[in-house]
């Protein structure tokens, strides 16, 4: 594998992992509700696992689709790719810094960025209510696919990484890795919603995750290691 692609994939995974506390705030409630809506009894854990996996598969699938659409626009020519790479990388780094500041609850400027996706979400959100309460895996998959379009600064930050990739396939894989990075927290929320909620609200935990995201954003900006790389 190309070392640069390996870095992109691992970076996207780490962004998802570090930023998963934000994901819990955006998607954790609906994920936990999937478990609480199931009747307790024989086979409960199996049904719970299936519901959570289907919901998250739909959510991650939407991330991959969005990245694919963006990549179709951003990888039209190799020359354009070289010229735009520093700009897109800087934008991705700035968005990560904003995300870290918001996660640490120091400044919520990222909310202005998230509002950019509000028009699309206003059209899709009414469809989510038709899928509730979720009673079978197909509904969970469809709900996750819609929920993946929820305006989120963390997703927009990672899409900057996706736009940096030289091919449509590598852009899609970047967002897939990001989605897999968010998966542990999202699954944990479904199984232990109360414990995860308390952890997410702990100031020290949020600040540590925020600092790591800010550091990652600073590292992303080309100014620190050569504009041409």
C-alpha atoms as a PDB file:
ATOM      1  CA  UNK A   1       0.000   0.000   0.000  1.00  0.00           C
ATOM      2  CA  UNK A   2       1.127   3.546  -0.766  1.00  0.00           C
ATOM      3  CA  UNK A   3       2.536   5.026   2.495  1.00  0.00           C
ATOM      4  CA  UNK A   4       0.588   8.259   1.961  1.00  0.00           C
ATOM      5  CA  UNK A   5      -2.668   6.327   1.633  1.00  0.00           C
ATOM      6  CA  UNK A   6      -1.810   4.319   4.750  1.00  0.00           C
ATOM      7  CA  UNK A   7      -1.329   7.589   6.641  1.00  0.00           C
ATOM      8  CA  UNK A   8      -4.629   8.939   5.319  1.00  0.00           C
ATOM      9  CA  UNK A   9      -6.564   5.832   6.343  1.00  0.00           C
ATOM     10  CA  UNK A  10      -4.989   5.628   9.799  1.00  0.00           C
ATOM     11  CA  UNK A  11      -5.490   9.368  10.303  1.00  0.00           C
ATOM     12  CA  UNK A  12      -9.166   9.109   9.418  1.00  0.00           C
ATOM     13  CA  UNK A  13      -9.560   6.199  11.840  1.00  0.00           C
ATOM     14  CA  UNK A  14      -7.883   8.160  14.643  1.00  0.00           C
ATOM     15  CA  UNK A  15     -10.054  11.206  13.966  1.00  0.00           C
ATOM     16  CA  UNK A  16     -13.140   9.034  14.316  1.00  0.00           C
ATOM     17  CA  UNK A  17     -11.808   7.408  17.470  1.00  0.00           C
ATOM     18  CA  UNK A  18     -10.755  10.670  19.143  1.00  0.00           C
ATOM     19  CA  UNK A  19     -13.852  12.547  18.049  1.00  0.00           C
ATOM     20  CA  UNK A  20     -16.284   9.820  19.012  1.00  0.00           C
ATOM     21  CA  UNK A  21     -17.442  11.782  22.067  1.00  0.00           C
ATOM     22  CA  UNK A  22     -18.942  14.265  19.600  1.00  0.00           C
ATOM     23  CA  UNK A  23     -20.554  11.367  17.756  1.00  0.00           C
ATOM     24  CA  UNK A  24     -22.152  10.259  20.997  1.00  0.00           C
ATOM     25  CA  UNK A  25     -23.798  13.643  21.333  1.00  0.00           C
ATOM     26  CA  UNK A  26     -25.031  13.637  17.730  1.00  0.00           C
ATOM     27  CA  UNK A  27     -25.942   9.982  17.236  1.00  0.00           C
ATOM     28  CA  UNK A  28     -25.618   8.321  20.633  1.00  0.00           C
ATOM     29  CA  UNK A  29     -29.187   9.011  21.683  1.00  0.00           C
ATOM     30  CA  UNK A  30     -30.737   7.348  18.674  1.00  0.00           C
ATOM     31  CA  UNK A  31     -28.299   4.441  18.969  1.00  0.00           C
ATOM     32  CA  UNK A  32     -29.219   3.880  22.615  1.00  0.00           C
ATOM     33  CA  UNK A  33     -32.938   4.110  21.804  1.00  0.00           C
ATOM     34  CA  UNK A  34     -32.611   1.155  19.432  1.00  0.00           C
ATOM     35  CA  UNK A  35     -31.711  -1.031  22.392  1.00  0.00           C
ATOM     36  CA  UNK A  36     -34.311   0.385  24.739  1.00  0.00           C
ATOM     37  CA  UNK A  37     -37.095  -0.170  22.188  1.00  0.00           C
ATOM     38  CA  UNK A  38     -36.438  -3.916  22.035  1.00  0.00           C
ATOM     39  CA  UNK A  39     -38.481  -6.223  24.250  1.00  0.00           C
ATOM     40  CA  UNK A  40     -36.340  -7.909  26.898  1.00  0.00           C
ATOM     41  CA  UNK A  41     -36.402 -11.671  26.667  1.00  0.00           C
ATOM     42  CA  UNK A  42     -34.840 -14.619  24.956  1.00  0.00           C
ATOM     43  CA  UNK A  43     -32.474 -13.548  22.190  1.00  0.00           C
ATOM     44  CA  UNK A  44     -32.410  -9.918  23.341  1.00  0.00           C
ATOM     45  CA  UNK A  45     -28.621  -9.543  23.025  1.00  0.00           C
ATOM     46  CA  UNK A  46     -28.614 -11.008  19.544  1.00  0.00           C
ATOM     47  CA  UNK A  47     -31.404  -8.680  18.380  1.00  0.00           C
ATOM     48  CA  UNK A  48     -29.702  -5.728  20.063  1.00  0.00           C
ATOM     49  CA  UNK A  49     -26.390  -6.448  18.341  1.00  0.00           C
ATOM     50  CA  UNK A  50     -28.064  -6.857  14.964  1.00  0.00           C
ATOM     51  CA  UNK A  51     -29.964  -3.574  15.323  1.00  0.00           C
ATOM     52  CA  UNK A  52     -26.858  -1.652  16.344  1.00  0.00           C
ATOM     53  CA  UNK A  53     -24.758  -3.129  13.555  1.00  0.00           C
ATOM     54  CA  UNK A  54     -27.419  -2.337  10.948  1.00  0.00           C
ATOM     55  CA  UNK A  55     -27.840   1.232  12.155  1.00  0.00           C
ATOM     56  CA  UNK A  56     -24.099   1.873  12.132  1.00  0.00           C
ATOM     57  CA  UNK A  57     -23.665   0.152   8.768  1.00  0.00           C
ATOM     58  CA  UNK A  58     -26.200   2.564   7.304  1.00  0.00           C
ATOM     59  CA  UNK A  59     -24.519   5.540   8.980  1.00  0.00           C
ATOM     60  CA  UNK A  60     -21.031   4.618   7.762  1.00  0.00           C
ATOM     61  CA  UNK A  61     -22.399   3.817   4.315  1.00  0.00           C
ATOM     62  CA  UNK A  62     -23.675   7.383   4.060  1.00  0.00           C
ATOM     63  CA  UNK A  63     -20.236   8.732   4.950  1.00  0.00           C
ATOM     64  CA  UNK A  64     -18.730   6.658   2.148  1.00  0.00           C
ATOM     65  CA  UNK A  65     -21.375   7.893  -0.291  1.00  0.00           C
ATOM     66  CA  UNK A  66     -20.762  11.555   0.602  1.00  0.00           C
ATOM     67  CA  UNK A  67     -17.008  11.075   0.209  1.00  0.00           C
ATOM     68  CA  UNK A  68     -17.544   9.436  -3.167  1.00  0.00           C
ATOM     69  CA  UNK A  69     -19.641  12.350  -4.395  1.00  0.00           C
ATOM     70  CA  UNK A  70     -17.019  14.856  -3.227  1.00  0.00           C
ATOM     71  CA  UNK A  71     -14.191  12.814  -4.737  1.00  0.00           C
ATOM     72  CA  UNK A  72     -15.902  12.780  -8.124  1.00  0.00           C
ATOM     73  CA  UNK A  73     -15.536  16.571  -8.081  1.00  0.00           C
ATOM     74  CA  UNK A  74     -12.096  16.872  -6.476  1.00  0.00           C
ATOM     75  CA  UNK A  75     -10.113  14.243  -8.387  1.00  0.00           C
ATOM     76  CA  UNK A  76     -10.973  15.238 -11.961  1.00  0.00           C
ATOM     77  CA  UNK A  77      -7.348  15.883 -12.952  1.00  0.00           C
ATOM     78  CA  UNK A  78      -3.961  15.214 -11.415  1.00  0.00           C
ATOM     79  CA  UNK A  79      -2.814  18.797 -12.012  1.00  0.00           C
ATOM     80  CA  UNK A  80      -5.810  20.216 -10.184  1.00  0.00           C
ATOM     81  CA  UNK A  81      -5.186  17.730  -7.381  1.00  0.00           C
ATOM     82  CA  UNK A  82      -1.630  18.995  -6.834  1.00  0.00           C
ATOM     83  CA  UNK A  83      -2.724  22.639  -6.790  1.00  0.00           C
ATOM     84  CA  UNK A  84      -5.678  22.110  -4.460  1.00  0.00           C
ATOM     85  CA  UNK A  85      -4.061  19.700  -2.007  1.00  0.00           C
ATOM     86  CA  UNK A  86      -2.468  22.353   0.295  1.00  0.00           C
ATOM     87  CA  UNK A  87      -5.705  24.359   0.413  1.00  0.00           C
ATOM     88  CA  UNK A  88      -7.860  21.325   1.197  1.00  0.00           C
ATOM     89  CA  UNK A  89      -5.389  20.044   3.768  1.00  0.00           C
ATOM     90  CA  UNK A  90      -5.320  23.428   5.494  1.00  0.00           C
ATOM     91  CA  UNK A  91      -9.116  23.517   5.527  1.00  0.00           C
ATOM     92  CA  UNK A  92      -9.252  20.032   7.020  1.00  0.00           C
ATOM     93  CA  UNK A  93      -6.758  21.067   9.716  1.00  0.00           C
ATOM     94  CA  UNK A  94      -8.708  24.214  10.611  1.00  0.00           C
ATOM     95  CA  UNK A  95     -11.926  22.224  10.880  1.00  0.00           C
ATOM     96  CA  UNK A  96     -10.222  19.723  13.194  1.00  0.00           C
ATOM     97  CA  UNK A  97      -8.986  22.555  15.409  1.00  0.00           C
ATOM     98  CA  UNK A  98     -12.504  24.002  15.571  1.00  0.00           C
ATOM     99  CA  UNK A  99     -13.841  20.542  16.369  1.00  0.00           C
ATOM    100  CA  UNK A 100     -11.327  20.141  19.195  1.00  0.00           C
ATOM    101  CA  UNK A 101     -12.201  23.549  20.656  1.00  0.00           C
ATOM    102  CA  UNK A 102     -15.872  22.652  20.571  1.00  0.00           C
ATOM    103  CA  UNK A 103     -15.357  19.221  22.086  1.00  0.00           C
ATOM    104  CA  UNK A 104     -13.344  20.673  24.955  1.00  0.00           C
ATOM    105  CA  UNK A 105     -16.137  23.257  25.382  1.00  0.00           C
ATOM    106  CA  UNK A 106     -13.765  26.177  24.949  1.00  0.00           C
ATOM    107  CA  UNK A 107     -15.394  27.667  21.841  1.00  0.00           C
ATOM    108  CA  UNK A 108     -18.340  26.457  19.756  1.00  0.00           C
ATOM    109  CA  UNK A 109     -17.427  28.069  16.445  1.00  0.00           C
ATOM    110  CA  UNK A 110     -17.765  24.650  14.763  1.00  0.00           C
ATOM    111  CA  UNK A 111     -21.536  25.064  14.988  1.00  0.00           C
ATOM    112  CA  UNK A 112     -21.347  27.719  12.272  1.00  0.00           C
ATOM    113  CA  UNK A 113     -19.751  25.120  10.003  1.00  0.00           C
ATOM    114  CA  UNK A 114     -22.359  22.515  10.868  1.00  0.00           C
ATOM    115  CA  UNK A 115     -25.114  24.878   9.808  1.00  0.00           C
ATOM    116  CA  UNK A 116     -23.914  24.536   6.215  1.00  0.00           C
ATOM    117  CA  UNK A 117     -25.528  21.104   6.072  1.00  0.00           C
ATOM    118  CA  UNK A 118     -28.790  22.210   7.686  1.00  0.00           C
ATOM    119  CA  UNK A 119     -30.767  22.622   4.410  1.00  0.00           C
ATOM    120  CA  UNK A 120     -30.123  19.015   3.405  1.00  0.00           C
ATOM    121  CA  UNK A 121     -30.952  17.744   6.892  1.00  0.00           C
ATOM    122  CA  UNK A 122     -34.249  19.659   6.942  1.00  0.00           C
ATOM    123  CA  UNK A 123     -35.345  17.622   3.936  1.00  0.00           C
ATOM    124  CA  UNK A 124     -34.182  14.292   5.323  1.00  0.00           C
ATOM    125  CA  UNK A 125     -35.112  14.570   9.003  1.00  0.00           C
ATOM    126  CA  UNK A 126     -38.884  14.104   8.453  1.00  0.00           C
ATOM    127  CA  UNK A 127     -38.103  10.718   6.907  1.00  0.00           C
ATOM    128  CA  UNK A 128     -36.436   9.550  10.116  1.00  0.00           C
ATOM    129  CA  UNK A 129     -39.654   9.927  12.110  1.00  0.00           C
ATOM    130  CA  UNK A 130     -41.376   7.480   9.759  1.00  0.00           C
ATOM    131  CA  UNK A 131     -38.856   4.816  10.737  1.00  0.00           C
ATOM    132  CA  UNK A 132     -39.468   5.165  14.478  1.00  0.00           C
ATOM    133  CA  UNK A 133     -39.893   3.085  16.526  1.00  0.00           C
ATOM    134  CA  UNK A 134     -37.443   0.702  14.883  1.00  0.00           C
ATOM    135  CA  UNK A 135     -38.759  -2.855  14.912  1.00  0.00           C
ATOM    136  CA  UNK A 136     -36.564  -4.733  12.454  1.00  0.00           C
ATOM    137  CA  UNK A 137     -33.000  -4.550  11.048  1.00  0.00           C
ATOM    138  CA  UNK A 138     -34.119  -3.065   7.722  1.00  0.00           C
ATOM    139  CA  UNK A 139     -35.540  -0.041   9.535  1.00  0.00           C
ATOM    140  CA  UNK A 140     -32.331   0.317  11.558  1.00  0.00           C
ATOM    141  CA  UNK A 141     -30.248   0.237   8.363  1.00  0.00           C
ATOM    142  CA  UNK A 142     -32.425   2.872   6.675  1.00  0.00           C
ATOM    143  CA  UNK A 143     -32.432   5.064   9.781  1.00  0.00           C
ATOM    144  CA  UNK A 144     -28.627   4.896   9.968  1.00  0.00           C
ATOM    145  CA  UNK A 145     -28.340   5.796   6.291  1.00  0.00           C
ATOM    146  CA  UNK A 146     -30.427   8.920   6.879  1.00  0.00           C
ATOM    147  CA  UNK A 147     -28.668   9.780  10.148  1.00  0.00           C
ATOM    148  CA  UNK A 148     -25.327   9.794   8.343  1.00  0.00           C
ATOM    149  CA  UNK A 149     -26.362  13.068   6.679  1.00  0.00           C
ATOM    150  CA  UNK A 150     -26.807  14.855  10.021  1.00  0.00           C
ATOM    151  CA  UNK A 151     -24.710  18.080   9.939  1.00  0.00           C
ATOM    152  CA  UNK A 152     -21.521  17.354  11.857  1.00  0.00           C
ATOM    153  CA  UNK A 153     -18.268  19.285  12.016  1.00  0.00           C
ATOM    154  CA  UNK A 154     -16.301  16.114  12.672  1.00  0.00           C
ATOM    155  CA  UNK A 155     -17.592  14.548   9.455  1.00  0.00           C
ATOM    156  CA  UNK A 156     -16.875  17.726   7.493  1.00  0.00           C
ATOM    157  CA  UNK A 157     -13.329  17.749   8.888  1.00  0.00           C
ATOM    158  CA  UNK A 158     -12.701  14.211   7.737  1.00  0.00           C
ATOM    159  CA  UNK A 159     -14.236  14.916   4.350  1.00  0.00           C
ATOM    160  CA  UNK A 160     -11.330  17.320   3.925  1.00  0.00           C
ATOM    161  CA  UNK A 161      -9.051  14.292   4.214  1.00  0.00           C
ATOM    162  CA  UNK A 162     -11.215  12.428   1.716  1.00  0.00           C
ATOM    163  CA  UNK A 163     -10.987  15.311  -0.754  1.00  0.00           C
ATOM    164  CA  UNK A 164      -7.187  15.072  -0.513  1.00  0.00           C
ATOM    165  CA  UNK A 165      -7.094  11.534  -1.855  1.00  0.00           C
ATOM    166  CA  UNK A 166      -5.984  10.961  -5.465  1.00  0.00           C
ATOM    167  CA  UNK A 167      -8.789   8.550  -6.421  1.00  0.00           C
ATOM    168  CA  UNK A 168     -12.480   8.102  -5.740  1.00  0.00           C
ATOM    169  CA  UNK A 169     -11.840   4.676  -4.195  1.00  0.00           C
ATOM    170  CA  UNK A 170      -9.224   6.005  -1.758  1.00  0.00           C
ATOM    171  CA  UNK A 171     -11.539   8.863  -0.751  1.00  0.00           C
ATOM    172  CA  UNK A 172     -14.331   6.385  -0.029  1.00  0.00           C
ATOM    173  CA  UNK A 173     -11.951   4.183   1.978  1.00  0.00           C
ATOM    174  CA  UNK A 174     -10.841   7.211   4.000  1.00  0.00           C
ATOM    175  CA  UNK A 175     -14.399   7.820   5.174  1.00  0.00           C
ATOM    176  CA  UNK A 176     -14.903   4.112   5.761  1.00  0.00           C
ATOM    177  CA  UNK A 177     -11.905   4.148   8.109  1.00  0.00           C
ATOM    178  CA  UNK A 178     -13.329   7.220   9.844  1.00  0.00           C
ATOM    179  CA  UNK A 179     -16.659   5.465  10.340  1.00  0.00           C
ATOM    180  CA  UNK A 180     -14.928   2.386  11.743  1.00  0.00           C
ATOM    181  CA  UNK A 181     -13.112   4.648  14.190  1.00  0.00           C
ATOM    182  CA  UNK A 182     -16.429   5.907  15.565  1.00  0.00           C
ATOM    183  CA  UNK A 183     -17.877   2.403  15.778  1.00  0.00           C
ATOM    184  CA  UNK A 184     -16.516   1.327  19.208  1.00  0.00           C
ATOM    185  CA  UNK A 185     -18.088   4.293  21.004  1.00  0.00           C
ATOM    186  CA  UNK A 186     -21.352   3.990  19.099  1.00  0.00           C
ATOM    187  CA  UNK A 187     -21.689   0.292  19.890  1.00  0.00           C
ATOM    188  CA  UNK A 188     -20.760   0.895  23.510  1.00  0.00           C
ATOM    189  CA  UNK A 189     -23.481   3.521  23.718  1.00  0.00           C
ATOM    190  CA  UNK A 190     -26.034   0.967  22.635  1.00  0.00           C
ATOM    191  CA  UNK A 191     -24.924  -1.549  25.254  1.00  0.00           C
ATOM    192  CA  UNK A 192     -24.129   0.799  28.157  1.00  0.00           C
ATOM    193  CA  UNK A 193     -25.816   4.114  27.430  1.00  0.00           C
ATOM    194  CA  UNK A 194     -25.705   5.447  31.001  1.00  0.00           C
ATOM    195  CA  UNK A 195     -22.012   4.739  31.601  1.00  0.00           C
ATOM    196  CA  UNK A 196     -20.963   6.236  28.264  1.00  0.00           C
ATOM    197  CA  UNK A 197     -23.119   9.318  28.811  1.00  0.00           C
ATOM    198  CA  UNK A 198     -21.387  10.009  32.132  1.00  0.00           C
ATOM    199  CA  UNK A 199     -17.968   9.540  30.541  1.00  0.00           C
ATOM    200  CA  UNK A 200     -18.816  11.876  27.658  1.00  0.00           C
ATOM    201  CA  UNK A 201     -19.919  14.594  30.077  1.00  0.00           C
ATOM    202  CA  UNK A 202     -16.748  14.406  32.185  1.00  0.00           C
ATOM    203  CA  UNK A 203     -14.859  17.710  31.591  1.00  0.00           C
ATOM    204  CA  UNK A 204     -11.384  16.147  31.741  1.00  0.00           C
ATOM    205  CA  UNK A 205     -12.307  13.490  29.190  1.00  0.00           C
ATOM    206  CA  UNK A 206     -13.741  16.072  26.797  1.00  0.00           C
ATOM    207  CA  UNK A 207     -10.744  18.370  27.217  1.00  0.00           C
ATOM    208  CA  UNK A 208      -8.251  15.572  26.575  1.00  0.00           C
ATOM    209  CA  UNK A 209     -10.073  14.507  23.406  1.00  0.00           C
ATOM    210  CA  UNK A 210     -10.290  18.154  22.346  1.00  0.00           C
ATOM    211  CA  UNK A 211      -6.559  18.754  22.844  1.00  0.00           C
ATOM    212  CA  UNK A 212      -5.693  15.664  20.809  1.00  0.00           C
ATOM    213  CA  UNK A 213      -7.933  16.810  17.956  1.00  0.00           C
ATOM    214  CA  UNK A 214      -6.408  20.302  18.025  1.00  0.00           C
ATOM    215  CA  UNK A 215      -2.925  18.783  17.900  1.00  0.00           C
ATOM    216  CA  UNK A 216      -3.966  16.576  15.014  1.00  0.00           C
ATOM    217  CA  UNK A 217      -5.411  19.601  13.209  1.00  0.00           C
ATOM    218  CA  UNK A 218      -2.173  21.572  13.654  1.00  0.00           C
ATOM    219  CA  UNK A 219      -0.191  18.627  12.298  1.00  0.00           C
ATOM    220  CA  UNK A 220      -2.537  18.468   9.282  1.00  0.00           C
ATOM    221  CA  UNK A 221      -1.884  22.062   8.169  1.00  0.00           C
ATOM    222  CA  UNK A 222       0.923  22.013   5.546  1.00  0.00           C
ATOM    223  CA  UNK A 223       2.609  25.092   7.052  1.00  0.00           C
ATOM    224  CA  UNK A 224       4.269  22.929   9.673  1.00  0.00           C
ATOM    225  CA  UNK A 225       5.930  20.425   7.346  1.00  0.00           C
ATOM    226  CA  UNK A 226       6.202  21.930   3.904  1.00  0.00           C
ATOM    227  CA  UNK A 227       3.409  23.203   1.709  1.00  0.00           C
ATOM    228  CA  UNK A 228       4.123  20.763  -1.069  1.00  0.00           C
ATOM    229  CA  UNK A 229       3.706  17.557   0.971  1.00  0.00           C
END
